[in-house]
Amino acid sequence: MSVDFISGAELSRRLYDDAVRPLLSRHFPGLPHSAALIGAGSEVLGFDTERSTDHDWGARLHLFLTTDDLARHGARINDLLTERLPATIAGYPTSLVPTEHGTRHLRHTTGRVQHGVVITEPGCWLTGHLGFNPLTGITPHDWLATPTQTLAEVTTGAVHHDGLGALHAARRALAWYPDEVWRYVLACQWQRLSQEEPFVGRCGEVGDELGSAVVAARLVRDLMRLRLLIGRTYPPYGKWLGTAFARLPDADRLATALTATLRAGTWRDREHHLVTAYETIAARHNELGLTTPVDPSVRPFHDRPFRVLHAERFAQALIRSITDPALRSLPLIGAIDQFVDNTDALSRRTHSRALTAALYPQPQ
């Protein structure tokens, strides 16, 4: 497409400012509404590039109305946008045409526009996207049943106008985990590390360098997610995990150690670089002040010649710091994407909530 690339967030803003808002003002003067680009999509997280324009990217917008106004005006507004939106915004077509593959693509069309404006009501959309409505309260079960990718999709993105006030209220409620839920999620992430730390060396000791490398890669991923959680940033899913990690203000030293771990050809070299990573992130934990200081130095794995952090020490310290007896008594399994790694399960709210309820049958 021969136009200069602009971010999806900027394209959405222009769609609202230059086309949608003027149409609403002219045909529905004074109508309370909110407008934003939130939900799924790399442009919501601010990670889109020109490559993103090849599918499910374009002049998109969520237009929120009250329940009564949605029932009264929603269909008419949809027809108005279909008939009156300009054919292009900033050189990009406003039509997003569905394909047989289930994706939508930018297409220059004439006549009626197949627009990318979703017209909905805040509580309905939030419940559909999250599995609960944060405007009416959030339970620990809600937090634990919601993937961090999904939380990021609501708390980031561009809010162009919030006449209803609901979007800002929802974002305030979801900005970050409550303190004790955060401590629990951190504890579970440390626990994940503790369960595989010695395997890098054990695999290598029996000549299984491939197995050692696979374990090391898993540990790298868990360390990246842990560092994001320590930095109060919801870790996105795999495609954008490294991009989000790289944007942390002090990621360089840890990134160097993790990259070297992945490039290492022997288990001893992997272990050497992981030791640097372990001690770096352990120091970051102590800087948080959530627990009494935990010795950040590595040590042998019992009587075996493998250097590990014994990350369970950090998990136990965090659990001891939790005062809520219900949270404190939960098994160290964690939030949904700490024990489920399947796209279909994580992307369907009914699945993720049911899986969490199966482990924690009495939501708190």
Protein backbone atom coordinates (compact mmCIF):
# COMPACT_ATOMS: atom_id res chain seq x y z
CA MET A 1 0.00 0.00 0.00
CA SER A 2 1.65 3.22 -1.19
CA VAL A 3 0.98 5.45 1.83
CA ASP A 4 3.27 6.43 4.67
CA PHE A 5 2.76 4.12 7.63
CA ILE A 6 1.15 5.56 10.73
CA SER A 7 0.37 3.60 13.86
CA GLY A 8 -3.01 1.97 14.23
CA ALA A 9 -3.64 4.11 17.31
CA GLU A 10 -3.07 7.28 15.30
CA LEU A 11 -5.24 5.99 12.45
CA SER A 12 -8.00 5.23 14.96
CA ARG A 13 -7.72 8.73 16.42
CA ARG A 14 -8.04 10.28 12.98
CA LEU A 15 -11.03 8.08 12.21
CA TYR A 16 -12.74 9.37 15.34
CA ASP A 17 -11.68 13.02 15.14
CA ASP A 18 -12.10 13.49 11.40
CA ALA A 19 -15.10 11.32 10.63
CA VAL A 20 -17.00 9.61 13.46
CA ARG A 21 -17.23 12.50 15.92
CA PRO A 22 -18.40 15.02 13.29
CA LEU A 23 -21.08 12.60 12.09
CA LEU A 24 -22.29 11.99 15.64
CA SER A 25 -22.34 15.72 16.39
CA ARG A 26 -24.36 16.44 13.27
CA HIS A 27 -26.87 13.60 13.46
CA PHE A 28 -26.95 12.77 17.19
CA PRO A 29 -26.05 16.06 18.91
CA GLY A 30 -25.22 15.75 22.58
CA LEU A 31 -25.17 11.94 22.53
CA PRO A 32 -23.02 10.72 25.46
CA HIS A 33 -20.42 8.27 24.25
CA SER A 34 -16.88 7.02 24.64
CA ALA A 35 -14.47 6.09 21.88
CA ALA A 36 -11.30 4.03 22.07
CA LEU A 37 -9.04 1.51 20.41
CA ILE A 38 -8.80 -1.34 22.91
CA GLY A 39 -9.00 -5.12 22.84
CA ALA A 40 -7.12 -7.43 20.50
CA GLY A 41 -4.52 -6.22 18.02
CA SER A 42 -0.85 -5.30 17.98
CA GLU A 43 -1.79 -1.65 17.47
CA VAL A 44 -3.56 -1.66 20.84
CA LEU A 45 -0.29 -2.53 22.59
CA GLY A 46 1.64 -0.07 20.43
CA PHE A 47 3.64 -2.83 18.74
CA ASP A 48 2.28 -2.57 15.20
CA THR A 49 4.49 -1.99 12.17
CA GLU A 50 3.84 -1.77 8.45
CA ARG A 51 3.76 -5.59 8.42
CA SER A 52 0.68 -5.44 10.66
CA THR A 53 -1.38 -3.87 7.89
CA ASP A 54 -1.73 -7.18 6.02
CA HIS A 55 -4.69 -8.37 8.13
CA ASP A 56 -7.04 -7.32 10.94
CA TRP A 57 -5.50 -3.83 11.00
CA GLY A 58 -7.03 -0.61 9.84
CA ALA A 59 -9.26 2.29 10.76
CA ARG A 60 -10.74 0.61 13.84
CA LEU A 61 -12.64 2.04 16.77
CA HIS A 62 -14.84 0.98 19.67
CA LEU A 63 -17.78 3.33 20.13
CA PHE A 64 -19.46 2.92 23.53
CA LEU A 65 -23.01 4.06 24.31
CA THR A 66 -25.26 3.70 27.33
CA THR A 67 -27.49 0.64 27.35
CA ASP A 68 -30.58 2.70 26.47
CA ASP A 69 -28.84 4.68 23.75
CA LEU A 70 -27.40 1.53 22.23
CA ALA A 71 -30.88 0.03 21.96
CA ARG A 72 -32.34 3.28 20.65
CA HIS A 73 -29.61 4.48 18.30
CA GLY A 74 -27.08 1.70 17.74
CA ALA A 75 -28.48 0.37 14.47
CA ARG A 76 -28.98 3.88 13.07
CA ILE A 77 -25.42 4.88 13.93
CA ASN A 78 -24.11 1.74 12.26
CA ASP A 79 -26.11 2.57 9.11
CA LEU A 80 -24.90 6.17 9.24
CA LEU A 81 -21.26 5.09 9.37
CA THR A 82 -21.79 2.58 6.59
CA GLU A 83 -23.30 5.23 4.36
CA ARG A 84 -21.34 8.35 5.31
CA LEU A 85 -17.82 7.44 6.38
CA PRO A 86 -15.19 8.64 3.90
CA ALA A 87 -13.61 5.98 1.72
CA THR A 88 -10.16 6.67 3.18
CA ILE A 89 -8.56 8.07 6.31
CA ALA A 90 -4.91 9.21 6.10
CA GLY A 91 -4.71 7.38 2.77
CA TYR A 92 -5.91 4.06 4.21
CA PRO A 93 -9.25 2.52 3.17
CA THR A 94 -11.93 2.63 5.83
CA SER A 95 -13.35 -0.66 4.57
CA LEU A 96 -12.20 -3.84 6.33
CA VAL A 97 -13.42 -6.71 4.18
CA PRO A 98 -13.83 -10.20 5.69
CA THR A 99 -12.15 -13.12 3.96
CA GLU A 100 -12.79 -16.85 3.91
CA HIS A 101 -9.92 -17.26 6.40
CA GLY A 102 -11.77 -15.35 9.10
CA THR A 103 -9.52 -12.29 8.89
CA ARG A 104 -10.35 -8.79 7.63
CA HIS A 105 -8.30 -6.89 5.07
CA LEU A 106 -8.02 -3.27 3.98
CA ARG A 107 -9.74 -2.85 0.63
CA HIS A 108 -10.55 0.18 -1.48
CA THR A 109 -14.28 0.02 -2.16
CA THR A 110 -16.95 2.29 -3.54
CA GLY A 111 -20.31 2.96 -2.00
CA ARG A 112 -21.12 1.51 1.41
CA VAL A 113 -18.19 1.15 3.80
CA GLN A 114 -17.57 -2.11 5.65
CA HIS A 115 -16.28 -0.13 8.59
CA GLY A 116 -14.28 -1.21 11.60
CA VAL A 117 -16.33 0.59 14.23
CA VAL A 118 -17.71 -1.66 16.96
CA ILE A 119 -20.78 -0.08 18.56
CA THR A 120 -21.43 -1.49 22.02
CA GLU A 121 -22.03 -0.77 25.71
CA PRO A 122 -19.13 -0.66 28.21
CA GLY A 123 -20.30 -3.30 30.67
CA CYS A 124 -21.28 -5.70 27.90
CA TRP A 125 -17.98 -5.33 26.06
CA LEU A 126 -15.86 -5.58 29.19
CA THR A 127 -17.68 -8.69 30.36
CA GLY A 128 -17.30 -10.30 26.96
CA HIS A 129 -13.61 -9.49 26.70
CA LEU A 130 -12.56 -10.12 30.29
CA GLY A 131 -15.15 -12.58 31.56
CA PHE A 132 -16.29 -10.13 34.25
CA ASN A 133 -17.26 -6.48 34.56
CA PRO A 134 -14.61 -4.49 36.46
CA LEU A 135 -17.08 -1.62 36.89
CA THR A 136 -19.02 -3.74 39.38
CA GLY A 137 -16.07 -5.18 41.30
CA ILE A 138 -13.20 -7.62 40.79
CA THR A 139 -12.66 -10.77 42.85
CA PRO A 140 -9.36 -12.62 43.27
CA HIS A 141 -10.85 -15.32 41.05
CA ASP A 142 -11.39 -12.73 38.31
CA TRP A 143 -7.76 -11.67 38.51
CA LEU A 144 -6.42 -15.22 38.46
CA ALA A 145 -8.71 -16.36 35.64
CA THR A 146 -7.71 -13.55 33.26
CA PRO A 147 -4.59 -13.86 31.06
CA THR A 148 -2.14 -11.00 31.36
CA GLN A 149 -2.41 -10.48 27.60
CA THR A 150 -6.12 -9.77 28.05
CA LEU A 151 -5.51 -7.38 30.95
CA ALA A 152 -2.97 -5.55 28.79
CA GLU A 153 -5.52 -5.25 25.97
CA VAL A 154 -7.87 -3.28 28.22
CA THR A 155 -5.37 -1.18 30.16
CA THR A 156 -3.41 -0.05 27.10
CA GLY A 157 -4.62 1.28 23.78
CA ALA A 158 -5.90 4.73 22.93
CA VAL A 159 -8.92 6.36 24.58
CA HIS A 160 -10.00 9.18 22.29
CA HIS A 161 -13.00 10.37 24.30
CA ASP A 162 -14.63 9.09 27.47
CA GLY A 163 -17.89 10.93 27.80
CA LEU A 164 -19.37 8.01 29.73
CA GLY A 165 -16.43 7.85 32.15
CA ALA A 166 -16.57 4.06 32.08
CA LEU A 167 -13.30 3.45 30.25
CA HIS A 168 -11.19 5.46 32.66
CA ALA A 169 -12.97 3.82 35.59
CA ALA A 170 -12.33 0.34 34.19
CA ARG A 171 -8.69 1.15 33.55
CA ARG A 172 -8.20 2.46 37.06
CA ALA A 173 -9.69 -0.74 38.45
CA LEU A 174 -7.52 -2.94 36.21
CA ALA A 175 -4.32 -0.89 36.25
CA TRP A 176 -2.50 -3.53 38.28
CA TYR A 177 -3.15 -6.47 40.58
CA PRO A 178 -4.17 -5.72 44.17
CA ASP A 179 -1.07 -5.91 46.36
CA GLU A 180 -1.65 -9.36 47.80
CA VAL A 181 -2.74 -10.87 44.49
CA TRP A 182 0.47 -9.45 43.01
CA ARG A 183 2.52 -11.09 45.76
CA TYR A 184 0.78 -14.41 45.09
CA VAL A 185 1.34 -14.22 41.31
CA LEU A 186 5.01 -13.30 41.85
CA ALA A 187 5.41 -16.22 44.25
CA CYS A 188 4.00 -18.60 41.66
CA GLN A 189 6.37 -17.29 38.99
CA TRP A 190 9.36 -17.85 41.28
CA GLN A 191 8.02 -21.33 41.98
CA ARG A 192 7.99 -22.13 38.26
CA LEU A 193 11.67 -21.23 38.05
CA SER A 194 12.57 -23.34 41.07
CA GLN A 195 11.08 -26.45 39.52
CA GLU A 196 13.41 -26.48 36.47
CA GLU A 197 16.58 -24.67 37.58
CA PRO A 198 18.74 -27.80 37.99
CA PHE A 199 17.64 -29.45 34.75
CA VAL A 200 19.91 -27.36 32.53
CA GLY A 201 22.88 -29.08 34.15
CA ARG A 202 21.27 -32.47 34.63
CA CYS A 203 20.37 -32.77 30.95
CA GLY A 204 23.84 -31.64 29.94
CA GLU A 205 25.50 -34.06 32.32
CA VAL A 206 24.03 -37.02 30.46
CA GLY A 207 24.99 -35.56 27.07
CA ASP A 208 21.59 -34.13 26.21
CA GLU A 209 22.56 -30.65 25.08
CA LEU A 210 19.32 -30.26 23.11
CA GLY A 211 17.26 -31.03 26.20
CA SER A 212 19.41 -28.65 28.22
CA ALA A 213 18.83 -25.90 25.66
CA VAL A 214 15.07 -26.46 25.72
CA VAL A 215 14.97 -26.20 29.51
CA ALA A 216 17.14 -23.08 29.38
CA ALA A 217 14.78 -21.48 26.88
CA ARG A 218 11.84 -22.19 29.17
CA LEU A 219 13.70 -20.58 32.06
CA VAL A 220 14.51 -17.55 29.91
CA ARG A 221 10.84 -17.10 29.10
CA ASP A 222 9.86 -17.41 32.76
CA LEU A 223 12.55 -14.92 33.80
CA MET A 224 11.29 -12.42 31.23
CA ARG A 225 7.74 -12.78 32.48
CA LEU A 226 8.93 -12.48 36.07
CA ARG A 227 10.82 -9.29 35.32
CA LEU A 228 7.73 -7.78 33.69
CA LEU A 229 5.63 -8.74 36.71
CA ILE A 230 8.21 -7.19 39.03
CA GLY A 231 7.98 -4.05 36.88
CA ARG A 232 4.18 -3.98 37.23
CA THR A 233 3.73 -4.66 33.51
CA TYR A 234 1.28 -7.28 32.25
CA PRO A 235 3.33 -9.73 30.15
CA PRO A 236 1.92 -10.03 26.62
CA TYR A 237 1.72 -13.31 24.77
CA GLY A 238 4.71 -14.87 23.03
CA LYS A 239 4.84 -12.75 19.88
CA TRP A 240 5.31 -9.53 21.85
CA LEU A 241 7.01 -10.79 25.02
CA GLY A 242 10.50 -9.77 23.91
CA THR A 243 9.31 -6.40 22.63
CA ALA A 244 7.60 -5.57 25.93
CA PHE A 245 10.60 -6.83 27.90
CA ALA A 246 13.00 -4.66 25.87
CA ARG A 247 10.98 -1.56 26.79
CA LEU A 248 11.64 -1.99 30.50
CA PRO A 249 13.89 0.84 31.67
CA ASP A 250 16.74 -1.39 32.89
CA ALA A 251 16.38 -4.47 30.70
CA ASP A 252 19.83 -4.34 29.06
CA ARG A 253 21.92 -6.30 31.59
CA LEU A 254 19.34 -9.00 32.00
CA ALA A 255 18.69 -9.14 28.24
CA THR A 256 22.41 -9.64 27.61
CA ALA A 257 22.54 -12.60 29.99
CA LEU A 258 19.36 -14.15 28.60
CA THR A 259 20.50 -13.76 24.99
CA ALA A 260 23.83 -15.35 25.84
CA THR A 261 21.98 -18.23 27.51
CA LEU A 262 20.06 -18.94 24.31
CA ARG A 263 23.19 -18.74 22.17
CA ALA A 264 25.32 -20.97 24.39
CA GLY A 265 26.46 -24.29 22.93
CA THR A 266 27.13 -26.15 26.17
CA TRP A 267 25.24 -26.59 29.40
CA ARG A 268 28.05 -25.08 31.44
CA ASP A 269 27.90 -21.87 29.39
CA ARG A 270 24.11 -21.81 29.70
CA GLU A 271 24.38 -22.20 33.44
CA HIS A 272 27.00 -19.45 33.64
CA HIS A 273 24.76 -16.92 31.92
CA LEU A 274 21.67 -18.04 33.82
CA VAL A 275 23.53 -17.42 37.07
CA THR A 276 23.97 -13.77 36.04
CA ALA A 277 20.28 -13.57 35.16
CA TYR A 278 19.18 -15.18 38.43
CA GLU A 279 21.23 -12.86 40.60
CA THR A 280 20.17 -9.79 38.62
CA ILE A 281 16.48 -10.50 38.99
CA ALA A 282 16.88 -11.57 42.62
CA ALA A 283 18.37 -8.16 43.35
CA ARG A 284 15.36 -6.53 41.67
CA HIS A 285 13.07 -8.54 43.94
CA ASN A 286 14.85 -7.23 47.02
CA GLU A 287 14.57 -3.65 45.74
CA LEU A 288 10.78 -3.99 45.75
CA GLY A 289 10.74 -4.33 49.53
CA LEU A 290 7.79 -6.73 49.45
CA THR A 291 9.61 -9.20 51.69
CA THR A 292 12.55 -9.20 54.03
CA PRO A 293 15.72 -9.38 51.89
CA VAL A 294 16.43 -12.80 50.40
CA ASP A 295 20.04 -13.76 49.69
CA PRO A 296 20.38 -13.18 45.93
CA SER A 297 23.43 -15.39 45.42
CA VAL A 298 23.36 -18.76 43.71
CA ARG A 299 24.40 -21.99 45.42
CA PRO A 300 24.78 -25.71 44.61
CA PHE A 301 21.67 -27.76 44.02
CA HIS A 302 21.92 -29.82 47.22
CA ASP A 303 24.91 -32.14 46.75
CA ARG A 304 24.85 -31.98 42.96
CA PRO A 305 27.30 -29.82 40.97
CA PHE A 306 24.70 -27.47 39.47
CA ARG A 307 24.47 -23.79 40.37
CA VAL A 308 20.94 -22.61 41.08
CA LEU A 309 19.21 -19.79 42.89
CA HIS A 310 16.79 -22.06 44.75
CA ALA A 311 14.04 -19.72 43.59
CA GLU A 312 11.53 -21.33 45.94
CA ARG A 313 13.11 -19.20 48.68
CA PHE A 314 11.62 -16.10 47.04
CA ALA A 315 8.25 -17.81 46.57
CA GLN A 316 8.11 -18.76 50.23
CA ALA A 317 9.10 -15.26 51.37
CA LEU A 318 6.31 -13.75 49.28
CA ILE A 319 3.71 -16.20 50.57
CA ARG A 320 4.73 -15.39 54.15
CA SER A 321 4.09 -11.72 53.39
CA ILE A 322 0.44 -12.33 52.39
CA THR A 323 -2.09 -11.65 55.15
CA ASP A 324 -5.26 -12.81 53.35
CA PRO A 325 -5.70 -16.41 54.58
CA ALA A 326 -7.62 -17.43 51.46
CA LEU A 327 -4.87 -16.28 49.09
CA ARG A 328 -2.14 -17.56 51.37
CA SER A 329 -3.64 -21.04 51.38
CA LEU A 330 -3.83 -21.39 47.59
CA PRO A 331 -1.45 -23.86 45.95
CA LEU A 332 1.51 -22.26 44.20
CA ILE A 333 -0.04 -22.73 40.76
CA GLY A 334 -0.96 -19.15 40.05
CA ALA A 335 -2.91 -17.22 37.45
CA ILE A 336 -4.28 -18.90 34.35
CA ASP A 337 -1.30 -18.24 32.06
CA GLN A 338 1.11 -19.56 34.69
CA PHE A 339 -0.35 -23.04 34.38
CA VAL A 340 -2.00 -23.07 30.93
CA ASP A 341 -0.04 -22.59 27.71
CA ASN A 342 -2.60 -23.18 25.00
CA THR A 343 -3.85 -20.40 22.77
CA ASP A 344 -7.40 -21.71 22.41
CA ALA A 345 -7.79 -22.14 26.16
CA LEU A 346 -6.36 -18.72 26.98
CA SER A 347 -8.28 -16.85 24.29
CA ARG A 348 -11.71 -18.10 25.34
CA ARG A 349 -13.00 -16.59 28.58
CA THR A 350 -15.33 -19.50 29.29
CA HIS A 351 -12.37 -21.89 29.06
CA SER A 352 -9.94 -19.85 31.14
CA ARG A 353 -12.49 -19.19 33.87
CA ALA A 354 -13.60 -22.81 33.98
CA LEU A 355 -10.00 -24.05 34.20
CA THR A 356 -9.26 -21.65 37.04
CA ALA A 357 -12.46 -22.61 38.85
CA ALA A 358 -11.45 -26.27 38.59
CA LEU A 359 -8.30 -25.52 40.58
CA TYR A 360 -9.87 -22.96 42.90
CA PRO A 361 -13.45 -24.24 43.15
CA GLN A 362 -14.63 -21.56 45.57
CA PRO A 363 -13.68 -18.17 44.08
CA GLN A 364 -12.83 -15.58 46.68
